Amino acid sequence: MKDQHCVQFLQWALPQLHMSWPGFRKVRRQVCKRIGRRMRELGLEAVEDYRAYLSHHASEWERLDAMCRITISRFYRDRGVFAALEKSELPALLQRLRARGGHRLRAWSAGCGSG
């Protein structure tokens, strides 16, 4: 499937999935590969054929929705934050813990639930 055909398809399909095109510009290649693979599984050659398939098979929308969801984690991408944790915050926490006679440091990250 050509990139321009996939882009046109996504611009048509994403609003129906309550998703927006601007968020897909950077990840569209991965999504287009998934859609192309699915089209081959179904024996469909053109994007128009897949659109027609969607109109006759409502459950396929769920499959398309799943193919369009890309998990992106930025948890470790802010190096400055992790450098500060490593060099300043964690050593200070450990020092206070040991001063109280503690042996176990527990931590919880609110951001770890969804990546």
N, C-alpha and C. Protein backbone atom coordinates (compact mmCIF):
# COMPACT_ATOMS: atom_id res chain seq x y z
N MET A 1 0.84 -1.16 0.00
CA MET A 1 0.00 0.00 0.00
C MET A 1 0.90 1.24 0.00
N LYS A 2 0.60 2.16 -0.89
CA LYS A 2 1.39 3.38 -0.97
C LYS A 2 1.06 4.29 0.21
N ASP A 3 2.07 5.03 0.63
CA ASP A 3 1.92 5.91 1.78
C ASP A 3 0.77 6.90 1.60
N GLN A 4 0.66 7.48 0.42
CA GLN A 4 -0.40 8.47 0.20
C GLN A 4 -1.78 7.85 0.33
N HIS A 5 -1.94 6.59 -0.09
CA HIS A 5 -3.23 5.91 0.05
C HIS A 5 -3.53 5.64 1.52
N CYS A 6 -2.51 5.25 2.26
CA CYS A 6 -2.70 4.99 3.68
C CYS A 6 -3.05 6.28 4.42
N VAL A 7 -2.37 7.37 4.08
CA VAL A 7 -2.65 8.66 4.71
C VAL A 7 -4.09 9.06 4.45
N GLN A 8 -4.54 8.93 3.21
CA GLN A 8 -5.93 9.27 2.88
C GLN A 8 -6.90 8.39 3.66
N PHE A 9 -6.58 7.11 3.76
CA PHE A 9 -7.43 6.19 4.51
C PHE A 9 -7.49 6.59 5.98
N LEU A 10 -6.33 6.86 6.57
CA LEU A 10 -6.29 7.24 7.98
C LEU A 10 -7.04 8.54 8.23
N GLN A 11 -6.90 9.50 7.33
CA GLN A 11 -7.61 10.77 7.49
C GLN A 11 -9.12 10.56 7.43
N TRP A 12 -9.56 9.54 6.73
CA TRP A 12 -10.98 9.20 6.68
C TRP A 12 -11.40 8.39 7.91
N ALA A 13 -10.59 7.41 8.29
CA ALA A 13 -10.99 6.46 9.34
C ALA A 13 -10.81 6.99 10.76
N LEU A 14 -9.75 7.73 11.00
CA LEU A 14 -9.44 8.15 12.38
C LEU A 14 -10.56 8.92 13.06
N PRO A 15 -11.19 9.89 12.40
CA PRO A 15 -12.30 10.59 13.07
C PRO A 15 -13.42 9.64 13.49
N GLN A 16 -13.65 8.60 12.72
CA GLN A 16 -14.69 7.63 13.05
C GLN A 16 -14.29 6.78 14.26
N LEU A 17 -12.99 6.73 14.54
CA LEU A 17 -12.47 6.01 15.71
C LEU A 17 -12.23 6.97 16.88
N HIS A 18 -12.66 8.22 16.70
CA HIS A 18 -12.47 9.27 17.71
C HIS A 18 -10.99 9.52 17.99
N MET A 19 -10.20 9.49 16.92
CA MET A 19 -8.78 9.78 16.99
C MET A 19 -8.50 10.93 16.03
N SER A 20 -7.39 11.62 16.23
CA SER A 20 -7.08 12.75 15.36
C SER A 20 -5.82 12.48 14.54
N TRP A 21 -5.83 13.00 13.33
CA TRP A 21 -4.73 12.79 12.40
C TRP A 21 -3.41 13.37 12.90
N PRO A 22 -3.36 14.57 13.47
CA PRO A 22 -2.06 15.12 13.87
C PRO A 22 -1.23 14.19 14.76
N GLY A 23 -1.86 13.42 15.59
CA GLY A 23 -1.13 12.49 16.44
C GLY A 23 -0.55 11.30 15.70
N PHE A 24 -0.95 11.10 14.45
CA PHE A 24 -0.53 9.92 13.71
C PHE A 24 0.57 10.19 12.70
N ARG A 25 0.91 11.44 12.48
CA ARG A 25 1.91 11.74 11.46
C ARG A 25 3.23 11.03 11.73
N LYS A 26 3.65 10.98 12.98
CA LYS A 26 4.95 10.38 13.30
C LYS A 26 4.91 8.85 13.36
N VAL A 27 3.76 8.28 13.61
CA VAL A 27 3.67 6.82 13.77
C VAL A 27 2.92 6.15 12.62
N ARG A 28 2.61 6.91 11.59
CA ARG A 28 1.75 6.36 10.54
C ARG A 28 2.37 5.16 9.82
N ARG A 29 3.69 5.14 9.69
CA ARG A 29 4.32 4.01 8.99
C ARG A 29 4.01 2.69 9.70
N GLN A 30 4.10 2.70 11.02
CA GLN A 30 3.81 1.48 11.78
C GLN A 30 2.34 1.10 11.62
N VAL A 31 1.46 2.07 11.70
CA VAL A 31 0.02 1.81 11.53
C VAL A 31 -0.26 1.33 10.12
N CYS A 32 0.36 1.95 9.13
CA CYS A 32 0.14 1.54 7.73
C CYS A 32 0.62 0.11 7.49
N LYS A 33 1.72 -0.27 8.11
CA LYS A 33 2.19 -1.66 7.98
C LYS A 33 1.16 -2.63 8.54
N ARG A 34 0.60 -2.28 9.69
CA ARG A 34 -0.41 -3.14 10.31
C ARG A 34 -1.64 -3.25 9.42
N ILE A 35 -2.07 -2.13 8.87
CA ILE A 35 -3.26 -2.14 8.01
C ILE A 35 -2.97 -2.94 6.74
N GLY A 36 -1.78 -2.74 6.16
CA GLY A 36 -1.41 -3.50 4.97
C GLY A 36 -1.38 -5.00 5.23
N ARG A 37 -0.84 -5.38 6.39
CA ARG A 37 -0.81 -6.80 6.77
C ARG A 37 -2.24 -7.35 6.90
N ARG A 38 -3.11 -6.56 7.51
CA ARG A 38 -4.50 -7.00 7.68
C ARG A 38 -5.19 -7.13 6.33
N MET A 39 -4.93 -6.20 5.44
CA MET A 39 -5.53 -6.28 4.11
C MET A 39 -5.07 -7.55 3.39
N ARG A 40 -3.79 -7.90 3.52
CA ARG A 40 -3.29 -9.13 2.90
C ARG A 40 -3.97 -10.35 3.51
N GLU A 41 -4.16 -10.34 4.85
CA GLU A 41 -4.85 -11.45 5.51
C GLU A 41 -6.25 -11.64 4.94
N LEU A 42 -6.90 -10.52 4.63
CA LEU A 42 -8.27 -10.56 4.11
C LEU A 42 -8.32 -10.76 2.60
N GLY A 43 -7.16 -10.73 1.94
CA GLY A 43 -7.11 -10.89 0.49
C GLY A 43 -7.55 -9.63 -0.25
N LEU A 44 -7.36 -8.48 0.37
CA LEU A 44 -7.76 -7.20 -0.23
C LEU A 44 -6.54 -6.50 -0.79
N GLU A 45 -6.68 -5.94 -1.97
CA GLU A 45 -5.53 -5.31 -2.62
C GLU A 45 -5.51 -3.80 -2.48
N ALA A 46 -6.66 -3.16 -2.48
CA ALA A 46 -6.72 -1.70 -2.46
C ALA A 46 -7.38 -1.19 -1.18
N VAL A 47 -7.01 0.01 -0.81
CA VAL A 47 -7.58 0.63 0.39
C VAL A 47 -9.10 0.76 0.24
N GLU A 48 -9.55 1.03 -0.96
CA GLU A 48 -10.99 1.14 -1.20
C GLU A 48 -11.70 -0.17 -0.87
N ASP A 49 -11.03 -1.28 -1.14
CA ASP A 49 -11.60 -2.59 -0.82
C ASP A 49 -11.72 -2.76 0.70
N TYR A 50 -10.73 -2.26 1.43
CA TYR A 50 -10.78 -2.35 2.89
C TYR A 50 -11.89 -1.45 3.44
N ARG A 51 -12.06 -0.27 2.84
CA ARG A 51 -13.16 0.61 3.26
C ARG A 51 -14.50 -0.08 3.05
N ALA A 52 -14.65 -0.75 1.92
CA ALA A 52 -15.89 -1.48 1.64
C ALA A 52 -16.06 -2.62 2.64
N TYR A 53 -14.97 -3.29 2.95
CA TYR A 53 -15.03 -4.38 3.93
C TYR A 53 -15.50 -3.86 5.28
N LEU A 54 -14.98 -2.71 5.68
CA LEU A 54 -15.40 -2.09 6.94
C LEU A 54 -16.89 -1.78 6.94
N SER A 55 -17.41 -1.35 5.80
CA SER A 55 -18.83 -0.99 5.75
C SER A 55 -19.73 -2.21 5.84
N HIS A 56 -19.22 -3.38 5.50
CA HIS A 56 -20.02 -4.61 5.55
C HIS A 56 -19.72 -5.48 6.77
N HIS A 57 -18.66 -5.18 7.50
CA HIS A 57 -18.26 -5.97 8.66
C HIS A 57 -17.98 -5.02 9.83
N ALA A 58 -19.02 -4.70 10.58
CA ALA A 58 -18.91 -3.72 11.67
C ALA A 58 -17.86 -4.11 12.71
N SER A 59 -17.68 -5.40 12.93
CA SER A 59 -16.71 -5.83 13.95
C SER A 59 -15.27 -5.53 13.53
N GLU A 60 -15.03 -5.30 12.25
CA GLU A 60 -13.69 -4.98 11.78
C GLU A 60 -13.21 -3.62 12.31
N TRP A 61 -14.15 -2.75 12.65
CA TRP A 61 -13.77 -1.45 13.20
C TRP A 61 -13.00 -1.62 14.51
N GLU A 62 -13.38 -2.61 15.30
CA GLU A 62 -12.65 -2.88 16.54
C GLU A 62 -11.21 -3.30 16.24
N ARG A 63 -11.07 -4.10 15.21
CA ARG A 63 -9.73 -4.55 14.80
C ARG A 63 -8.90 -3.37 14.32
N LEU A 64 -9.52 -2.51 13.52
CA LEU A 64 -8.82 -1.32 13.02
C LEU A 64 -8.43 -0.41 14.18
N ASP A 65 -9.33 -0.25 15.13
CA ASP A 65 -9.04 0.58 16.30
C ASP A 65 -7.80 0.06 17.03
N ALA A 66 -7.73 -1.23 17.21
CA ALA A 66 -6.58 -1.84 17.89
C ALA A 66 -5.30 -1.64 17.08
N MET A 67 -5.39 -1.72 15.75
CA MET A 67 -4.20 -1.54 14.92
C MET A 67 -3.70 -0.10 14.96
N CYS A 68 -4.59 0.84 15.23
CA CYS A 68 -4.22 2.25 15.24
C CYS A 68 -3.67 2.72 16.57
N ARG A 69 -3.71 1.89 17.56
CA ARG A 69 -3.22 2.30 18.89
C ARG A 69 -1.76 1.91 19.03
N ILE A 70 -0.93 2.91 19.20
CA ILE A 70 0.51 2.72 19.32
C ILE A 70 0.91 3.13 20.74
N THR A 71 1.60 2.25 21.43
CA THR A 71 2.06 2.55 22.77
C THR A 71 3.40 3.28 22.69
N ILE A 72 3.42 4.47 23.24
CA ILE A 72 4.65 5.26 23.26
C ILE A 72 4.94 5.62 24.71
N SER A 73 6.11 5.26 25.17
CA SER A 73 6.49 5.57 26.54
C SER A 73 7.61 6.60 26.52
N ARG A 74 7.43 7.65 27.27
CA ARG A 74 8.47 8.67 27.40
C ARG A 74 9.03 8.68 28.83
N PHE A 75 8.82 7.61 29.54
CA PHE A 75 9.17 7.57 30.95
C PHE A 75 10.64 7.86 31.20
N TYR A 76 11.55 7.27 30.43
CA TYR A 76 12.98 7.45 30.65
C TYR A 76 13.60 8.50 29.73
N ARG A 77 12.81 9.24 29.02
CA ARG A 77 13.37 10.15 28.01
C ARG A 77 13.88 11.47 28.58
N ASP A 78 13.48 11.82 29.78
CA ASP A 78 13.95 13.06 30.38
C ASP A 78 15.19 12.76 31.22
N ARG A 79 16.32 12.75 30.57
CA ARG A 79 17.58 12.34 31.21
C ARG A 79 17.93 13.21 32.41
N GLY A 80 17.62 14.49 32.35
CA GLY A 80 17.94 15.39 33.45
C GLY A 80 17.26 14.99 34.75
N VAL A 81 16.01 14.56 34.64
CA VAL A 81 15.26 14.14 35.82
C VAL A 81 15.90 12.90 36.44
N PHE A 82 16.24 11.94 35.61
CA PHE A 82 16.83 10.71 36.13
C PHE A 82 18.25 10.92 36.64
N ALA A 83 18.97 11.85 36.04
CA ALA A 83 20.31 12.18 36.55
C ALA A 83 20.19 12.81 37.94
N ALA A 84 19.21 13.68 38.12
CA ALA A 84 19.00 14.31 39.44
C ALA A 84 18.60 13.26 40.47
N LEU A 85 17.75 12.33 40.08
CA LEU A 85 17.37 11.24 41.00
C LEU A 85 18.59 10.43 41.42
N GLU A 86 19.40 10.09 40.44
CA GLU A 86 20.56 9.24 40.70
C GLU A 86 21.63 9.94 41.55
N LYS A 87 21.90 11.18 41.23
CA LYS A 87 23.03 11.87 41.87
C LYS A 87 22.65 12.62 43.14
N SER A 88 21.41 13.04 43.26
CA SER A 88 21.04 13.90 44.38
C SER A 88 19.94 13.32 45.26
N GLU A 89 18.80 13.06 44.67
CA GLU A 89 17.62 12.70 45.45
C GLU A 89 17.72 11.33 46.11
N LEU A 90 18.06 10.30 45.35
CA LEU A 90 18.15 8.96 45.93
C LEU A 90 19.23 8.86 47.01
N PRO A 91 20.43 9.39 46.79
CA PRO A 91 21.43 9.34 47.87
C PRO A 91 20.94 10.05 49.15
N ALA A 92 20.26 11.18 48.99
CA ALA A 92 19.75 11.90 50.17
C ALA A 92 18.68 11.08 50.88
N LEU A 93 17.80 10.45 50.12
CA LEU A 93 16.76 9.60 50.72
C LEU A 93 17.38 8.42 51.46
N LEU A 94 18.37 7.80 50.85
CA LEU A 94 19.04 6.66 51.49
C LEU A 94 19.77 7.09 52.77
N GLN A 95 20.37 8.25 52.73
CA GLN A 95 21.08 8.74 53.92
C GLN A 95 20.10 8.97 55.07
N ARG A 96 18.95 9.58 54.79
CA ARG A 96 17.94 9.79 55.84
C ARG A 96 17.38 8.47 56.34
N LEU A 97 17.17 7.53 55.42
CA LEU A 97 16.65 6.22 55.79
C LEU A 97 17.62 5.52 56.75
N ARG A 98 18.88 5.50 56.40
CA ARG A 98 19.89 4.84 57.24
C ARG A 98 20.06 5.54 58.59
N ALA A 99 19.91 6.87 58.60
CA ALA A 99 20.02 7.62 59.86
C ALA A 99 18.92 7.22 60.83
N ARG A 100 17.78 6.78 60.30
CA ARG A 100 16.66 6.33 61.14
C ARG A 100 16.74 4.84 61.42
N GLY A 101 17.75 4.17 60.90
CA GLY A 101 17.89 2.73 61.11
C GLY A 101 17.08 1.90 60.13
N GLY A 102 16.60 2.53 59.07
CA GLY A 102 15.80 1.81 58.07
C GLY A 102 16.66 1.02 57.11
N HIS A 103 16.06 0.00 56.51
CA HIS A 103 16.79 -0.86 55.59
C HIS A 103 16.11 -0.98 54.22
N ARG A 104 14.91 -0.46 54.10
CA ARG A 104 14.18 -0.63 52.85
C ARG A 104 13.60 0.71 52.40
N LEU A 105 13.92 1.08 51.18
CA LEU A 105 13.39 2.30 50.58
C LEU A 105 12.30 1.89 49.60
N ARG A 106 11.12 2.40 49.79
CA ARG A 106 10.01 2.08 48.89
C ARG A 106 9.69 3.32 48.06
N ALA A 107 9.41 3.09 46.80
CA ALA A 107 9.09 4.20 45.90
C ALA A 107 7.88 3.83 45.06
N TRP A 108 7.14 4.83 44.69
CA TRP A 108 5.96 4.63 43.84
C TRP A 108 5.96 5.73 42.80
N SER A 109 5.70 5.38 41.57
CA SER A 109 5.63 6.36 40.49
C SER A 109 4.23 6.38 39.93
N ALA A 110 3.60 7.53 39.99
CA ALA A 110 2.24 7.67 39.46
C ALA A 110 2.23 7.48 37.95
N GLY A 111 3.34 7.73 37.29
CA GLY A 111 3.39 7.63 35.84
C GLY A 111 3.58 6.23 35.31
N CYS A 112 3.84 5.27 36.15
CA CYS A 112 4.17 3.94 35.65
C CYS A 112 2.94 3.13 35.26
N GLY A 113 1.74 3.62 35.57
CA GLY A 113 0.54 2.84 35.28
C GLY A 113 0.26 2.70 33.80
N SER A 114 0.61 3.70 32.99
CA SER A 114 0.30 3.62 31.57
C SER A 114 1.49 3.90 30.68
N GLY A 115 2.66 3.91 31.23
CA GLY A 115 3.84 4.05 30.41
C GLY A 115 4.42 5.40 30.35
